[in-house]
Amino acid sequence: MKRIIIFFLLLIPLLFSYTYAKEVSKMVENIHWLGHDTFKITGKDVT
């Protein structure tokens, strides 16, 4: 039983990070490098 609880405690953050990454990839269409440490991100607003 203890192993099952630990498994789900490790699985939940992985699922949240995966869904967050999918949502960000939908919003961001392109990332333009403008120079040293400067980026311009173009995309659409997903609300």
N, C-alpha and C. Protein backbone atom coordinates (compact mmCIF):
# COMPACT_ATOMS: atom_id res chain seq x y z
N MET A 1 0.83 -1.21 0.00
CA MET A 1 0.00 0.00 0.00
C MET A 1 0.86 1.26 0.00
N LYS A 2 1.95 1.20 0.76
CA LYS A 2 2.85 2.36 0.84
C LYS A 2 3.47 2.66 -0.52
N ARG A 3 3.80 1.62 -1.28
CA ARG A 3 4.39 1.83 -2.61
C ARG A 3 3.41 2.49 -3.56
N ILE A 4 2.15 2.12 -3.46
CA ILE A 4 1.12 2.72 -4.32
C ILE A 4 0.97 4.20 -4.03
N ILE A 5 0.97 4.57 -2.77
CA ILE A 5 0.85 5.98 -2.39
C ILE A 5 2.05 6.77 -2.89
N ILE A 6 3.24 6.22 -2.73
CA ILE A 6 4.46 6.90 -3.21
C ILE A 6 4.42 7.04 -4.73
N PHE A 7 3.94 6.00 -5.42
CA PHE A 7 3.85 6.05 -6.88
C PHE A 7 2.95 7.20 -7.33
N PHE A 8 1.77 7.33 -6.70
CA PHE A 8 0.86 8.40 -7.10
C PHE A 8 1.38 9.77 -6.71
N LEU A 9 2.10 9.86 -5.61
CA LEU A 9 2.69 11.15 -5.23
C LEU A 9 3.76 11.58 -6.22
N LEU A 10 4.45 10.62 -6.82
CA LEU A 10 5.44 10.96 -7.84
C LEU A 10 4.80 11.19 -9.21
N LEU A 11 3.67 10.54 -9.47
CA LEU A 11 3.02 10.64 -10.77
C LEU A 11 2.27 11.96 -10.95
N ILE A 12 1.66 12.47 -9.91
CA ILE A 12 0.83 13.68 -10.01
C ILE A 12 1.63 14.89 -10.51
N PRO A 13 2.81 15.20 -9.96
CA PRO A 13 3.57 16.35 -10.50
C PRO A 13 3.99 16.15 -11.96
N LEU A 14 4.28 14.93 -12.34
CA LEU A 14 4.66 14.68 -13.74
C LEU A 14 3.49 14.95 -14.68
N LEU A 15 2.29 14.58 -14.28
CA LEU A 15 1.12 14.84 -15.12
C LEU A 15 0.84 16.33 -15.23
N PHE A 16 0.98 17.06 -14.13
CA PHE A 16 0.75 18.50 -14.18
C PHE A 16 1.78 19.19 -15.06
N SER A 17 3.03 18.79 -14.99
CA SER A 17 4.06 19.43 -15.81
C SER A 17 3.84 19.10 -17.29
N TYR A 18 3.36 17.90 -17.59
CA TYR A 18 3.10 17.52 -18.99
C TYR A 18 1.95 18.33 -19.57
N THR A 19 0.86 18.47 -18.83
CA THR A 19 -0.28 19.24 -19.34
C THR A 19 0.06 20.71 -19.45
N TYR A 20 0.87 21.24 -18.52
CA TYR A 20 1.30 22.63 -18.59
C TYR A 20 2.17 22.86 -19.83
N ALA A 21 3.05 21.93 -20.12
CA ALA A 21 3.92 22.06 -21.29
C ALA A 21 3.11 22.01 -22.58
N LYS A 22 2.07 21.18 -22.62
CA LYS A 22 1.22 21.12 -23.82
C LYS A 22 0.47 22.43 -24.01
N GLU A 23 -0.01 23.03 -22.92
CA GLU A 23 -0.75 24.28 -23.03
C GLU A 23 0.16 25.42 -23.48
N VAL A 24 1.37 25.46 -22.96
CA VAL A 24 2.33 26.50 -23.36
C VAL A 24 2.69 26.32 -24.83
N SER A 25 2.87 25.10 -25.28
CA SER A 25 3.22 24.89 -26.69
C SER A 25 2.08 25.28 -27.62
N LYS A 26 0.83 25.23 -27.14
CA LYS A 26 -0.29 25.70 -27.95
C LYS A 26 -0.27 27.22 -28.07
N MET A 27 0.11 27.91 -27.00
CA MET A 27 0.08 29.37 -27.00
C MET A 27 1.25 29.96 -27.79
N VAL A 28 2.41 29.35 -27.68
CA VAL A 28 3.61 29.90 -28.30
C VAL A 28 3.74 29.35 -29.71
N GLU A 29 3.71 30.24 -30.68
CA GLU A 29 3.86 29.81 -32.07
C GLU A 29 5.32 29.85 -32.50
N ASN A 30 6.05 30.85 -32.05
CA ASN A 30 7.43 30.98 -32.47
C ASN A 30 8.20 31.80 -31.46
N ILE A 31 9.47 31.46 -31.29
CA ILE A 31 10.35 32.21 -30.40
C ILE A 31 11.49 32.76 -31.25
N HIS A 32 11.65 34.07 -31.25
CA HIS A 32 12.68 34.72 -32.05
C HIS A 32 13.81 35.16 -31.13
N TRP A 33 15.03 34.80 -31.49
CA TRP A 33 16.19 35.23 -30.74
C TRP A 33 16.62 36.60 -31.26
N LEU A 34 16.58 37.60 -30.36
CA LEU A 34 16.89 38.97 -30.76
C LEU A 34 18.31 39.39 -30.39
N GLY A 35 19.02 38.57 -29.70
CA GLY A 35 20.36 38.91 -29.28
C GLY A 35 20.66 38.24 -27.96
N HIS A 36 21.69 38.73 -27.30
CA HIS A 36 22.13 38.13 -26.04
C HIS A 36 21.03 38.24 -24.98
N ASP A 37 20.51 37.12 -24.54
CA ASP A 37 19.48 37.03 -23.48
C ASP A 37 18.20 37.79 -23.82
N THR A 38 17.89 37.96 -25.09
CA THR A 38 16.67 38.67 -25.48
C THR A 38 15.89 37.82 -26.47
N PHE A 39 14.64 37.57 -26.13
CA PHE A 39 13.79 36.76 -26.98
C PHE A 39 12.46 37.46 -27.19
N LYS A 40 11.87 37.26 -28.35
CA LYS A 40 10.53 37.74 -28.63
C LYS A 40 9.67 36.51 -28.90
N ILE A 41 8.60 36.35 -28.13
CA ILE A 41 7.73 35.19 -28.26
C ILE A 41 6.44 35.63 -28.91
N THR A 42 6.14 35.05 -30.05
CA THR A 42 4.88 35.35 -30.72
C THR A 42 3.94 34.17 -30.54
N GLY A 43 2.68 34.47 -30.38
CA GLY A 43 1.71 33.41 -30.18
C GLY A 43 0.32 33.98 -30.08
N LYS A 44 -0.58 33.15 -29.59
CA LYS A 44 -1.96 33.58 -29.44
C LYS A 44 -2.38 33.41 -27.99
N ASP A 45 -3.37 34.16 -27.59
CA ASP A 45 -3.86 34.11 -26.22
C ASP A 45 -4.86 32.97 -26.09
N VAL A 46 -4.58 32.04 -25.22
CA VAL A 46 -5.48 30.92 -24.99
C VAL A 46 -6.12 31.12 -23.64
N THR A 47 -7.39 31.51 -23.64
CA THR A 47 -8.10 31.72 -22.37
C THR A 47 -9.39 30.97 -22.37
